[in-house]
N, C-alpha and C. Protein backbone atom coordinates (compact mmCIF):
# COMPACT_ATOMS: atom_id res chain seq x y z
N MET A 1 65.39 70.64 87.50
CA MET A 1 64.69 69.96 88.51
C MET A 1 65.32 68.49 88.73
N LYS A 2 65.55 68.10 89.86
CA LYS A 2 66.05 66.75 90.11
C LYS A 2 64.88 65.87 90.36
N HIS A 3 64.95 64.76 89.74
CA HIS A 3 63.76 63.71 89.84
C HIS A 3 64.49 62.43 90.44
N PRO A 4 63.74 61.66 91.24
CA PRO A 4 64.20 60.40 91.83
C PRO A 4 64.56 59.44 90.68
N GLU A 5 65.69 58.70 91.05
CA GLU A 5 65.99 57.69 89.99
C GLU A 5 65.06 56.46 90.14
N GLN A 6 64.75 55.88 89.13
CA GLN A 6 63.86 54.73 89.00
C GLN A 6 64.65 53.35 88.95
N THR A 7 63.88 52.36 89.44
CA THR A 7 64.42 51.02 89.39
C THR A 7 63.48 50.07 88.74
N GLN A 8 63.92 48.87 88.52
CA GLN A 8 62.94 47.87 87.90
C GLN A 8 61.81 47.72 88.85
N GLU A 9 62.09 47.63 90.18
CA GLU A 9 60.94 47.52 91.09
C GLU A 9 60.02 48.65 91.09
N SER A 10 60.50 49.86 91.12
CA SER A 10 59.65 51.06 91.20
C SER A 10 58.85 51.14 89.84
N MET A 11 59.54 50.88 88.74
CA MET A 11 58.82 50.92 87.44
C MET A 11 57.84 49.72 87.26
N SER A 12 57.99 48.74 87.94
CA SER A 12 56.96 47.59 87.91
C SER A 12 55.65 47.98 88.40
N LYS A 13 55.67 48.94 89.32
CA LYS A 13 54.37 49.44 89.93
C LYS A 13 53.66 50.44 88.99
N MET A 14 54.38 50.78 87.84
CA MET A 14 53.72 51.71 86.90
C MET A 14 53.25 51.07 85.72
N VAL A 15 53.10 49.75 85.70
CA VAL A 15 52.65 48.93 84.65
C VAL A 15 51.36 48.40 84.86
N MET A 16 50.34 48.44 84.02
CA MET A 16 49.13 47.72 84.11
C MET A 16 49.09 46.58 82.98
N ARG A 17 48.82 45.40 83.51
CA ARG A 17 48.66 44.32 82.57
C ARG A 17 47.23 44.00 82.46
N PHE A 18 46.75 44.02 81.13
CA PHE A 18 45.28 43.82 80.83
C PHE A 18 44.77 42.56 81.48
N ASP A 19 45.52 41.44 81.38
CA ASP A 19 45.07 40.17 81.99
C ASP A 19 44.76 40.36 83.50
N ASP A 20 45.72 41.07 84.22
CA ASP A 20 45.46 41.38 85.65
C ASP A 20 44.35 42.19 85.89
N MET A 21 44.16 43.23 85.09
CA MET A 21 43.02 44.16 85.29
C MET A 21 41.69 43.52 85.18
N LYS A 22 41.59 42.60 84.26
CA LYS A 22 40.28 41.89 83.95
C LYS A 22 39.77 41.24 85.23
N ALA A 23 40.70 40.80 86.09
CA ALA A 23 40.29 40.13 87.37
C ALA A 23 39.88 41.04 88.41
N ARG A 24 40.01 42.38 88.27
CA ARG A 24 39.86 43.39 89.33
C ARG A 24 38.64 44.41 89.01
N GLY A 25 37.72 43.81 88.28
CA GLY A 25 36.59 44.66 87.90
C GLY A 25 35.61 44.85 89.08
N MET A 26 34.76 45.95 89.02
CA MET A 26 33.85 46.24 90.07
C MET A 26 32.43 46.26 89.47
N PRO A 27 31.62 45.22 89.78
CA PRO A 27 30.27 45.23 89.21
C PRO A 27 29.30 46.23 89.86
N LEU A 28 29.61 46.73 91.01
CA LEU A 28 28.83 47.77 91.72
C LEU A 28 29.60 49.01 92.10
N MET A 29 30.11 49.64 91.20
CA MET A 29 30.97 50.83 91.34
C MET A 29 30.13 52.10 91.68
N PHE A 30 28.86 52.05 91.12
CA PHE A 30 28.00 53.17 91.28
C PHE A 30 26.60 52.71 91.68
N ILE A 31 25.76 53.60 92.19
CA ILE A 31 24.47 53.18 92.74
C ILE A 31 23.53 52.71 91.63
N ASP A 32 23.78 53.18 90.40
CA ASP A 32 23.01 52.80 89.24
C ASP A 32 23.38 51.42 88.69
N SER A 33 24.59 50.92 89.09
CA SER A 33 25.08 49.61 88.59
C SER A 33 24.17 48.43 88.82
N ILE A 34 23.34 48.52 89.83
CA ILE A 34 22.39 47.39 90.22
C ILE A 34 21.20 47.36 89.23
N LEU A 35 20.98 48.43 88.53
CA LEU A 35 19.81 48.56 87.69
C LEU A 35 20.06 47.71 86.37
N PRO A 36 19.20 46.86 85.96
CA PRO A 36 19.46 45.98 84.75
C PRO A 36 19.87 46.75 83.46
N GLU A 37 19.18 47.97 83.24
CA GLU A 37 19.57 48.63 82.05
C GLU A 37 20.88 49.37 82.15
N HIS A 38 21.57 49.38 83.39
CA HIS A 38 22.85 50.00 83.57
C HIS A 38 23.89 49.12 84.01
N TRP A 39 23.70 47.82 83.84
CA TRP A 39 24.83 46.87 84.21
C TRP A 39 26.03 47.21 83.43
N ARG A 40 27.20 47.07 84.18
CA ARG A 40 28.51 47.14 83.59
C ARG A 40 29.58 46.78 84.63
N MET A 41 30.81 46.53 84.00
CA MET A 41 31.90 46.24 84.94
C MET A 41 32.99 47.41 84.74
N ASN A 42 33.13 48.05 85.91
CA ASN A 42 34.12 49.20 85.93
C ASN A 42 35.52 48.71 86.39
N PHE A 43 36.59 49.50 85.92
CA PHE A 43 37.86 49.19 86.42
C PHE A 43 38.63 50.60 86.79
N ALA A 44 39.23 50.64 87.87
CA ALA A 44 40.00 51.66 88.32
C ALA A 44 41.45 51.55 87.81
N VAL A 45 41.96 52.29 86.97
CA VAL A 45 43.32 52.15 86.29
C VAL A 45 44.30 52.98 87.03
N ILE A 46 44.03 54.30 87.03
CA ILE A 46 44.94 55.29 87.68
C ILE A 46 44.22 56.25 88.52
N GLY A 47 44.77 56.43 89.81
CA GLY A 47 44.24 57.58 90.67
C GLY A 47 42.84 57.26 91.29
N ASP A 48 42.38 58.29 91.84
CA ASP A 48 41.03 58.23 92.59
C ASP A 48 40.01 58.59 91.56
N THR A 49 39.74 57.50 90.64
CA THR A 49 38.85 57.73 89.56
C THR A 49 37.43 57.91 90.10
N ALA A 50 36.60 58.25 89.21
CA ALA A 50 35.08 58.47 89.66
C ALA A 50 34.63 57.13 90.24
N SER A 51 34.11 57.16 91.42
CA SER A 51 33.46 55.99 92.00
C SER A 51 32.67 56.44 93.26
N GLU A 52 31.59 55.79 93.42
CA GLU A 52 30.81 55.89 94.67
C GLU A 52 31.15 54.90 95.70
N ASN A 53 31.77 53.83 95.25
CA ASN A 53 32.02 52.66 96.07
C ASN A 53 33.44 52.79 96.53
N PRO A 54 33.69 53.00 97.82
CA PRO A 54 35.07 53.10 98.35
C PRO A 54 35.95 51.90 98.10
N ASP A 55 35.38 50.81 97.83
CA ASP A 55 36.25 49.52 97.52
C ASP A 55 37.09 49.70 96.37
N PHE A 56 36.88 50.75 95.46
CA PHE A 56 37.65 50.97 94.30
C PHE A 56 39.19 51.13 94.62
N ARG A 57 39.51 51.66 95.82
CA ARG A 57 40.86 51.94 96.26
C ARG A 57 41.58 50.53 96.36
N LEU A 58 40.91 49.52 96.61
CA LEU A 58 41.54 48.22 96.73
C LEU A 58 41.68 47.59 95.44
N GLN A 59 41.06 48.11 94.35
CA GLN A 59 41.11 47.57 93.01
C GLN A 59 41.94 48.30 92.10
N ARG A 60 42.50 49.42 92.40
CA ARG A 60 43.27 50.25 91.48
C ARG A 60 44.52 49.51 90.98
N MET A 61 44.70 49.68 89.74
CA MET A 61 45.83 49.02 89.11
C MET A 61 47.17 49.83 89.35
N ILE A 62 47.12 51.01 89.24
CA ILE A 62 48.40 51.87 89.53
C ILE A 62 48.02 52.87 90.52
N THR A 63 48.65 52.93 91.68
CA THR A 63 48.14 53.67 92.87
C THR A 63 48.93 54.98 93.04
N ALA A 64 50.18 55.04 92.28
CA ALA A 64 50.92 56.38 92.40
C ALA A 64 50.04 57.49 91.95
N PRO A 65 50.21 58.74 92.73
CA PRO A 65 49.46 59.91 92.40
C PRO A 65 49.83 60.39 91.04
N HIS A 66 48.76 60.82 90.34
CA HIS A 66 48.85 61.43 89.02
C HIS A 66 48.02 62.69 88.85
N ARG A 67 48.22 63.57 87.95
CA ARG A 67 47.37 64.70 87.79
C ARG A 67 46.23 64.48 86.92
N TYR A 68 45.85 63.23 86.75
CA TYR A 68 44.66 62.90 85.97
C TYR A 68 44.23 61.53 86.48
N GLN A 69 43.08 61.06 85.97
CA GLN A 69 42.52 59.79 86.49
C GLN A 69 41.99 58.96 85.33
N LEU A 70 42.30 57.74 85.34
CA LEU A 70 41.90 56.82 84.16
C LEU A 70 41.10 55.71 84.65
N GLY A 71 40.02 55.31 83.90
CA GLY A 71 39.24 54.13 84.10
C GLY A 71 38.82 53.48 82.88
N MET A 72 38.32 52.27 83.07
CA MET A 72 37.82 51.57 81.83
C MET A 72 36.50 50.88 82.29
N ALA A 73 35.80 50.32 81.35
CA ALA A 73 34.55 49.68 81.62
C ALA A 73 34.05 48.87 80.38
N TRP A 74 33.27 47.87 80.57
CA TRP A 74 32.56 47.14 79.59
C TRP A 74 31.10 47.01 79.90
N ALA A 75 30.10 46.94 78.98
CA ALA A 75 28.77 46.75 79.10
C ALA A 75 28.15 45.96 78.10
N PRO A 76 27.13 45.18 78.53
CA PRO A 76 26.49 44.35 77.47
C PRO A 76 25.54 45.21 76.68
N PRO A 77 24.88 44.72 75.59
CA PRO A 77 24.02 45.53 74.80
C PRO A 77 22.85 46.25 75.64
N GLY A 78 22.73 47.57 75.17
CA GLY A 78 21.64 48.37 75.85
C GLY A 78 21.91 49.00 77.20
N CYS A 79 23.23 48.63 77.71
CA CYS A 79 23.57 49.12 78.98
C CYS A 79 24.66 50.09 79.02
N GLY A 80 24.72 50.83 80.15
CA GLY A 80 25.83 51.98 80.30
C GLY A 80 25.33 52.83 81.43
N PRO A 81 26.16 53.83 81.75
CA PRO A 81 25.87 54.73 82.87
C PRO A 81 24.58 55.49 82.67
N ALA A 82 23.89 55.62 83.88
CA ALA A 82 22.52 56.36 83.76
C ALA A 82 22.77 57.85 83.64
N TRP A 83 21.69 58.60 83.50
CA TRP A 83 21.66 60.04 83.47
C TRP A 83 22.28 60.68 84.61
N HIS A 84 23.46 61.39 84.32
CA HIS A 84 24.17 62.05 85.57
C HIS A 84 25.03 63.12 85.09
N THR A 85 25.73 63.82 86.06
CA THR A 85 26.71 64.77 85.54
C THR A 85 27.85 64.80 86.67
N HIS A 86 28.86 65.53 86.38
CA HIS A 86 30.08 65.70 87.21
C HIS A 86 30.40 67.16 87.28
N ASP A 87 31.37 67.54 88.19
CA ASP A 87 31.87 68.83 88.32
C ASP A 87 33.21 69.07 87.59
N TYR A 88 33.55 67.95 86.74
CA TYR A 88 34.83 67.93 86.06
C TYR A 88 34.68 67.44 84.77
N ILE A 89 35.63 67.69 83.88
CA ILE A 89 35.60 67.14 82.43
C ILE A 89 35.83 65.60 82.52
N GLU A 90 35.21 64.84 81.65
CA GLU A 90 35.63 63.48 81.42
C GLU A 90 35.49 63.14 79.98
N SER A 91 36.41 62.44 79.48
CA SER A 91 36.52 62.13 78.07
C SER A 91 36.46 60.56 77.88
N PHE A 92 35.86 60.21 76.80
CA PHE A 92 35.68 58.70 76.63
C PHE A 92 36.21 58.34 75.17
N PHE A 93 37.13 57.45 75.15
CA PHE A 93 37.65 56.84 73.95
C PHE A 93 37.06 55.44 73.76
N ILE A 94 36.42 55.16 72.57
CA ILE A 94 35.76 53.92 72.35
C ILE A 94 36.75 52.84 71.92
N LEU A 95 36.79 51.84 72.74
CA LEU A 95 37.59 50.71 72.33
C LEU A 95 36.86 49.60 71.58
N ARG A 96 35.60 49.41 71.92
CA ARG A 96 34.78 48.46 71.19
C ARG A 96 33.33 49.06 71.17
N GLY A 97 32.83 49.33 69.96
CA GLY A 97 31.63 50.03 69.92
C GLY A 97 30.54 49.26 69.04
N PRO A 98 29.51 49.88 68.71
CA PRO A 98 29.19 51.36 68.87
C PRO A 98 28.64 51.64 70.17
N TRP A 99 28.72 52.93 70.55
CA TRP A 99 28.04 53.51 71.68
C TRP A 99 27.21 54.80 71.26
N ARG A 100 26.16 55.08 72.05
CA ARG A 100 25.40 56.25 71.87
C ARG A 100 25.49 57.07 73.14
N PHE A 101 26.02 58.30 72.98
CA PHE A 101 25.96 59.25 74.10
C PHE A 101 24.93 60.25 74.01
N TYR A 102 24.11 60.27 75.08
CA TYR A 102 23.04 61.38 75.18
C TYR A 102 23.52 62.50 76.01
N TRP A 103 23.04 63.66 75.76
CA TRP A 103 23.46 64.89 76.50
C TRP A 103 22.35 65.74 76.63
N GLY A 104 22.31 66.64 77.72
CA GLY A 104 21.28 67.59 78.09
C GLY A 104 21.77 68.50 79.15
N ASN A 105 20.90 69.55 79.45
CA ASN A 105 21.25 70.47 80.49
C ASN A 105 20.28 70.46 81.67
N SER A 106 19.45 69.44 81.65
CA SER A 106 18.49 69.21 82.64
C SER A 106 18.74 67.90 83.41
N ASP A 107 18.35 67.75 84.72
CA ASP A 107 18.51 66.60 85.31
C ASP A 107 17.45 65.54 85.00
N ASN A 108 16.53 65.96 84.05
CA ASN A 108 15.48 65.01 83.66
C ASN A 108 15.93 64.40 82.28
N PRO A 109 16.08 63.14 82.22
CA PRO A 109 16.60 62.42 80.95
C PRO A 109 15.60 62.58 79.95
N ALA A 110 14.29 62.85 80.23
CA ALA A 110 13.35 63.05 79.07
C ALA A 110 13.63 64.43 78.44
N GLU A 111 14.48 65.26 78.86
CA GLU A 111 14.81 66.56 78.36
C GLU A 111 16.15 66.54 77.60
N ALA A 112 16.63 65.41 77.21
CA ALA A 112 17.90 65.40 76.56
C ALA A 112 17.97 66.31 75.35
N GLY A 113 19.10 66.95 75.14
CA GLY A 113 19.35 67.93 74.03
C GLY A 113 19.74 67.23 72.82
N GLY A 114 20.24 65.96 72.83
CA GLY A 114 20.70 65.35 71.59
C GLY A 114 21.44 64.16 71.88
N HIS A 115 22.07 63.50 70.82
CA HIS A 115 23.02 62.48 71.06
C HIS A 115 24.00 62.35 70.04
N PHE A 116 25.00 61.53 70.22
CA PHE A 116 26.10 61.32 69.25
C PHE A 116 26.37 59.78 69.26
N ASP A 117 26.51 59.20 68.16
CA ASP A 117 26.83 57.83 68.04
C ASP A 117 28.39 57.70 67.67
N LEU A 118 29.06 56.88 68.53
CA LEU A 118 30.59 56.79 68.47
C LEU A 118 30.84 55.35 68.25
N ASP A 119 31.96 55.13 67.47
CA ASP A 119 32.43 53.73 67.10
C ASP A 119 33.89 53.71 67.51
N GLU A 120 34.48 52.62 67.27
CA GLU A 120 35.89 52.36 67.66
C GLU A 120 36.76 53.48 67.21
N TRP A 121 37.70 53.92 68.10
CA TRP A 121 38.67 54.91 67.68
C TRP A 121 38.05 56.42 67.79
N ASP A 122 36.81 56.51 68.08
CA ASP A 122 36.09 57.75 68.22
C ASP A 122 36.35 58.20 69.77
N LEU A 123 36.18 59.47 69.97
CA LEU A 123 36.40 60.14 71.25
C LEU A 123 35.33 61.21 71.53
N ILE A 124 34.86 61.39 72.70
CA ILE A 124 33.92 62.38 73.05
C ILE A 124 34.44 62.94 74.44
N SER A 125 34.42 64.37 74.58
CA SER A 125 34.83 64.97 75.80
C SER A 125 33.53 65.68 76.29
N LEU A 126 33.20 65.46 77.54
CA LEU A 126 32.01 65.86 78.18
C LEU A 126 32.26 66.95 79.24
N PRO A 127 31.65 68.19 79.01
CA PRO A 127 31.88 69.27 79.85
C PRO A 127 31.27 69.06 81.25
N PRO A 128 31.82 69.71 82.28
CA PRO A 128 31.30 69.65 83.61
C PRO A 128 29.85 70.30 83.62
N GLY A 129 29.04 69.76 84.44
CA GLY A 129 27.69 70.28 84.61
C GLY A 129 26.67 69.96 83.61
N MET A 130 27.14 69.24 82.48
CA MET A 130 26.15 68.81 81.45
C MET A 130 25.89 67.38 81.83
N TYR A 131 24.50 67.11 81.76
CA TYR A 131 24.09 65.82 82.01
C TYR A 131 24.29 64.93 80.86
N ARG A 132 24.56 63.56 81.11
CA ARG A 132 24.77 62.56 80.05
C ARG A 132 24.45 61.22 80.47
N SER A 133 24.25 60.34 79.59
CA SER A 133 24.19 58.92 79.75
C SER A 133 24.66 58.32 78.49
N PHE A 134 25.02 57.04 78.60
CA PHE A 134 25.45 56.43 77.32
C PHE A 134 25.31 54.92 77.43
N GLU A 135 25.08 54.33 76.19
CA GLU A 135 24.78 52.81 76.18
C GLU A 135 25.49 52.27 75.01
N TYR A 136 25.77 51.03 75.13
CA TYR A 136 26.51 50.23 74.13
C TYR A 136 25.33 49.68 73.15
N ARG A 137 25.54 49.94 71.97
CA ARG A 137 24.41 49.63 71.04
C ARG A 137 24.76 48.49 70.00
N GLY A 138 25.85 47.66 70.40
CA GLY A 138 26.14 46.53 69.55
C GLY A 138 25.52 45.24 69.96
N GLU A 139 26.10 44.13 69.56
CA GLU A 139 25.43 42.79 69.82
C GLU A 139 26.28 42.06 70.78
N GLU A 140 27.45 42.46 71.17
CA GLU A 140 28.27 41.60 72.05
C GLU A 140 28.50 42.34 73.26
N VAL A 141 29.79 42.85 73.37
CA VAL A 141 30.10 43.61 74.65
C VAL A 141 30.90 44.80 74.25
N GLY A 142 30.51 45.98 74.76
CA GLY A 142 31.27 47.30 74.39
C GLY A 142 32.20 47.68 75.56
N TRP A 143 33.33 48.24 75.08
CA TRP A 143 34.40 48.61 76.00
C TRP A 143 34.62 50.16 75.72
N PHE A 144 34.95 50.85 76.81
CA PHE A 144 35.41 52.25 76.65
C PHE A 144 36.59 52.55 77.69
N PHE A 145 37.39 53.56 77.28
CA PHE A 145 38.60 54.08 78.09
C PHE A 145 38.17 55.50 78.57
N ALA A 146 38.22 55.78 79.80
CA ALA A 146 37.92 57.06 80.35
C ALA A 146 39.09 57.84 80.93
N VAL A 147 39.11 59.13 80.50
CA VAL A 147 40.09 60.08 81.09
C VAL A 147 39.46 61.15 81.86
N LEU A 148 39.76 61.28 83.15
CA LEU A 148 39.02 62.36 84.01
C LEU A 148 39.94 63.30 84.45
N GLU A 149 39.44 64.58 84.38
CA GLU A 149 40.21 65.73 84.96
C GLU A 149 40.40 65.51 86.50
N THR A 150 41.50 65.84 87.06
CA THR A 150 41.76 65.52 88.47
C THR A 150 40.66 66.21 89.35
N HIS A 151 40.36 65.41 90.35
CA HIS A 151 39.37 65.90 91.27
C HIS A 151 39.50 65.12 92.68
N GLU A 152 38.99 65.68 93.65
CA GLU A 152 39.03 64.93 94.96
C GLU A 152 37.71 64.13 95.17
N VAL A 153 37.97 62.92 95.55
CA VAL A 153 36.77 62.02 95.74
C VAL A 153 36.25 62.18 97.21
N TYR A 154 34.91 61.99 97.33
CA TYR A 154 34.27 62.01 98.57
C TYR A 154 34.39 63.38 99.30
N GLN A 155 34.31 64.45 98.40
CA GLN A 155 34.22 65.79 98.94
C GLN A 155 32.90 66.43 98.77
N GLY A 156 31.93 65.71 98.00
CA GLY A 156 30.67 66.16 97.74
C GLY A 156 30.07 65.25 96.68
N LYS A 157 28.80 65.43 96.29
CA LYS A 157 28.10 64.56 95.42
C LYS A 157 28.95 64.41 94.21
N ASP A 158 29.03 63.05 93.74
CA ASP A 158 29.65 62.78 92.60
C ASP A 158 29.48 61.31 92.24
N PRO A 159 28.77 61.04 91.23
CA PRO A 159 28.05 61.85 90.29
C PRO A 159 26.75 62.50 90.84
N TYR A 160 26.26 63.46 90.19
CA TYR A 160 24.98 63.98 90.53
C TYR A 160 23.99 63.22 89.55
N TRP A 161 23.20 62.40 90.21
CA TRP A 161 22.26 61.52 89.38
C TRP A 161 20.92 62.36 89.18
N SER A 162 20.17 61.92 88.20
CA SER A 162 18.76 62.39 88.03
C SER A 162 17.97 61.87 89.23
N PRO A 163 16.97 62.58 89.69
CA PRO A 163 16.09 62.04 90.83
C PRO A 163 15.55 60.71 90.52
N GLN A 164 15.22 60.42 89.24
CA GLN A 164 14.63 59.16 88.86
C GLN A 164 15.58 57.96 89.18
N ILE A 165 16.78 58.20 88.82
CA ILE A 165 17.84 57.17 89.09
C ILE A 165 18.08 56.90 90.51
N GLU A 166 18.07 57.97 91.26
CA GLU A 166 18.31 57.84 92.78
C GLU A 166 17.17 56.96 93.33
N GLN A 167 15.92 57.31 92.91
CA GLN A 167 14.82 56.59 93.50
C GLN A 167 14.75 55.17 92.96
N GLN A 168 15.18 54.82 91.83
CA GLN A 168 15.25 53.47 91.35
C GLN A 168 16.28 52.73 92.13
N ALA A 169 17.42 53.33 92.27
CA ALA A 169 18.53 52.61 92.97
C ALA A 169 18.16 52.37 94.52
N ALA A 170 17.36 53.30 95.04
CA ALA A 170 17.07 53.24 96.50
C ALA A 170 16.06 51.96 96.69
N THR A 171 15.34 51.64 95.63
CA THR A 171 14.36 50.44 95.83
C THR A 171 15.25 49.27 95.85
N HIS A 172 16.51 49.18 95.46
CA HIS A 172 17.41 48.09 95.59
C HIS A 172 18.31 48.19 96.78
N GLY A 173 18.14 49.14 97.62
CA GLY A 173 18.86 49.45 98.78
C GLY A 173 20.18 50.27 98.64
N PHE A 174 20.35 50.91 97.45
CA PHE A 174 21.52 51.66 97.16
C PHE A 174 21.32 53.14 97.15
N HIS A 175 22.25 53.93 97.85
CA HIS A 175 22.22 55.34 97.83
C HIS A 175 23.62 55.86 98.18
N ALA A 176 23.89 57.12 97.89
CA ALA A 176 25.13 57.66 98.35
C ALA A 176 24.90 58.80 99.25
N ASP A 177 25.85 59.07 100.22
CA ASP A 177 25.67 60.12 101.18
C ASP A 177 26.03 61.51 100.51
N ASP A 178 25.98 62.55 101.36
CA ASP A 178 26.19 63.89 100.79
C ASP A 178 27.65 64.13 100.40
N LYS A 179 28.56 63.21 100.66
CA LYS A 179 29.91 63.29 100.23
C LYS A 179 30.11 62.40 99.01
N GLY A 180 29.11 61.80 98.42
CA GLY A 180 29.32 61.08 97.29
C GLY A 180 29.75 59.62 97.40
N LYS A 181 29.71 59.10 98.74
CA LYS A 181 30.21 57.81 98.96
C LYS A 181 29.01 56.94 99.07
N MET A 182 29.10 55.73 98.54
CA MET A 182 28.01 54.78 98.53
C MET A 182 27.80 54.23 99.97
N VAL A 183 26.59 54.23 100.30
CA VAL A 183 26.13 53.57 101.57
C VAL A 183 25.67 52.11 101.26
N GLN A 184 26.61 51.22 101.47
CA GLN A 184 26.33 49.73 101.08
C GLN A 184 25.21 49.18 101.84
N PRO A 185 24.30 48.60 101.23
CA PRO A 185 23.15 47.92 101.89
C PRO A 185 23.72 46.62 102.79
N PRO A 186 22.85 46.22 103.78
CA PRO A 186 23.31 45.16 104.61
C PRO A 186 23.81 43.84 103.83
N ASP A 187 23.10 43.65 102.74
CA ASP A 187 23.44 42.43 101.90
C ASP A 187 24.35 42.74 100.70
N TYR A 188 25.27 43.81 100.95
CA TYR A 188 26.03 44.27 99.78
C TYR A 188 26.94 43.03 99.26
N GLU A 189 27.57 42.33 100.17
CA GLU A 189 28.49 41.34 99.74
C GLU A 189 27.86 40.35 98.96
N GLN A 190 26.68 39.89 99.34
CA GLN A 190 25.92 38.96 98.55
C GLN A 190 25.52 39.47 97.25
N LEU A 191 25.09 40.62 97.20
CA LEU A 191 24.63 41.34 95.99
C LEU A 191 25.85 41.43 95.07
N LYS A 192 27.01 41.89 95.59
CA LYS A 192 28.25 42.00 94.72
C LYS A 192 28.59 40.78 94.05
N GLN A 193 28.56 39.65 94.91
CA GLN A 193 28.92 38.40 94.31
C GLN A 193 27.92 37.89 93.25
N GLN A 194 26.60 38.14 93.45
CA GLN A 194 25.57 37.72 92.55
C GLN A 194 25.82 38.59 91.22
N GLN A 195 26.13 39.83 91.37
CA GLN A 195 26.20 40.62 90.13
C GLN A 195 27.55 40.34 89.31
N GLN A 196 28.63 40.00 90.11
CA GLN A 196 29.77 39.52 89.44
C GLN A 196 29.65 38.33 88.65
N GLU A 197 28.95 37.30 89.31
CA GLU A 197 28.75 36.05 88.58
C GLU A 197 27.73 36.23 87.36
N ARG A 198 26.79 37.11 87.56
CA ARG A 198 25.82 37.37 86.53
C ARG A 198 26.55 38.04 85.24
N LEU A 199 27.35 38.97 85.59
CA LEU A 199 28.04 39.78 84.48
C LEU A 199 29.04 38.80 83.72
N LEU A 200 29.79 38.05 84.44
CA LEU A 200 30.81 37.15 83.82
C LEU A 200 30.16 36.05 83.00
N ALA A 201 28.99 35.55 83.56
CA ALA A 201 28.27 34.55 82.68
C ALA A 201 27.72 35.28 81.46
N LEU A 202 27.31 36.50 81.50
CA LEU A 202 26.71 37.23 80.43
C LEU A 202 27.78 37.56 79.33
N TYR A 203 29.03 37.84 79.91
CA TYR A 203 30.12 38.09 78.91
C TYR A 203 30.44 36.87 78.09
N GLN A 204 30.48 35.62 78.72
CA GLN A 204 30.77 34.45 78.02
C GLN A 204 29.60 34.13 77.02
N GLU A 205 28.43 34.28 77.47
CA GLU A 205 27.35 34.10 76.53
C GLU A 205 27.37 34.96 75.35
N LEU A 206 27.76 36.26 75.52
CA LEU A 206 27.69 37.07 74.36
C LEU A 206 28.91 37.02 73.47
N THR A 207 30.06 36.70 73.96
CA THR A 207 31.36 36.73 73.26
C THR A 207 31.79 35.22 72.81
N GLY A 208 31.25 34.22 73.58
CA GLY A 208 31.77 32.86 73.34
C GLY A 208 33.03 32.62 74.01
N CYS A 209 33.49 33.55 74.94
CA CYS A 209 34.73 33.48 75.51
C CYS A 209 34.64 34.04 76.95
N SER A 210 35.34 33.36 77.96
CA SER A 210 35.27 33.89 79.29
C SER A 210 36.01 35.24 79.38
N LEU A 211 35.69 36.17 80.20
CA LEU A 211 36.32 37.44 80.34
C LEU A 211 37.89 37.17 80.60
N ALA A 212 38.11 36.14 81.47
CA ALA A 212 39.59 35.81 81.81
C ALA A 212 40.34 35.57 80.49
N ASP A 213 39.76 34.83 79.53
CA ASP A 213 40.50 34.38 78.37
C ASP A 213 40.34 35.30 77.19
N TRP A 214 39.39 36.38 77.28
CA TRP A 214 39.06 37.28 76.12
C TRP A 214 40.25 38.17 75.89
N ARG A 215 40.49 38.39 74.65
CA ARG A 215 41.63 39.25 74.13
C ARG A 215 40.99 40.35 73.18
N PRO A 216 41.51 41.51 73.12
CA PRO A 216 41.08 42.66 72.34
C PRO A 216 40.93 42.30 70.84
N ASP A 217 41.75 41.33 70.35
CA ASP A 217 41.67 40.98 68.98
C ASP A 217 40.57 40.00 68.65
N GLY A 218 39.79 39.67 69.70
CA GLY A 218 38.59 38.85 69.58
C GLY A 218 38.90 37.33 69.65
N GLN A 219 40.26 37.02 69.98
CA GLN A 219 40.65 35.64 70.12
C GLN A 219 40.94 35.42 71.56
N GLY A 220 40.53 34.17 72.01
CA GLY A 220 40.94 33.84 73.43
C GLY A 220 42.40 33.49 73.55
N LYS A 221 42.82 33.21 74.66
CA LYS A 221 44.31 32.84 74.84
C LYS A 221 44.66 31.63 74.15
N ASN A 222 43.72 30.70 73.92
CA ASN A 222 44.05 29.53 73.16
C ASN A 222 43.61 29.58 71.68
N GLY A 223 43.43 30.87 71.22
CA GLY A 223 42.99 30.99 69.82
C GLY A 223 41.67 30.70 69.56
N VAL A 224 40.72 30.55 70.63
CA VAL A 224 39.28 30.21 70.41
C VAL A 224 38.39 31.47 70.38
């Protein structure tokens, strides 16, 4: 099979720089992101990753088509994705933990079947159709890396939320249509800016370092 030759320019489009990615987070990627117990910052790394917010296409780090989809996210203590499921497999690799993953076969989070605690370098793979939620259980900020089975976005509900989460999000003006796309409330831009500022301030408060300067080794760019 003959493949196209690559150049420095074409290959430069296949590189993600962590410092660049940190500036392209989405504070309202899903309808649950507005709820205080589910605050987090999501990042679209490769492909049409899971998202209800169509703005993610403007934030993707690598736009070339792939047969898989990658994302990342961070969350403050006690926060993470609410009770939901997908029609495809998704796997999570813990970059900074600990995290607790709850699972169950009912759309009612009160009927969870169990949970697993994961720390750094642990991974969990979640089957399609199984409900799940997860939360960072540390004291600073938790990060994870997500690998998603390939799927088409905005072809149907994705994620499937518990009815309780849909109702809570609706009180803040957030819901998704029958294709899984977020219907942004009239004050969306204002809410997005407020949430962005709130999360960035919280990041600095919890880590002692701005997100822009934070490094995975725990040191800021200037060694602080």
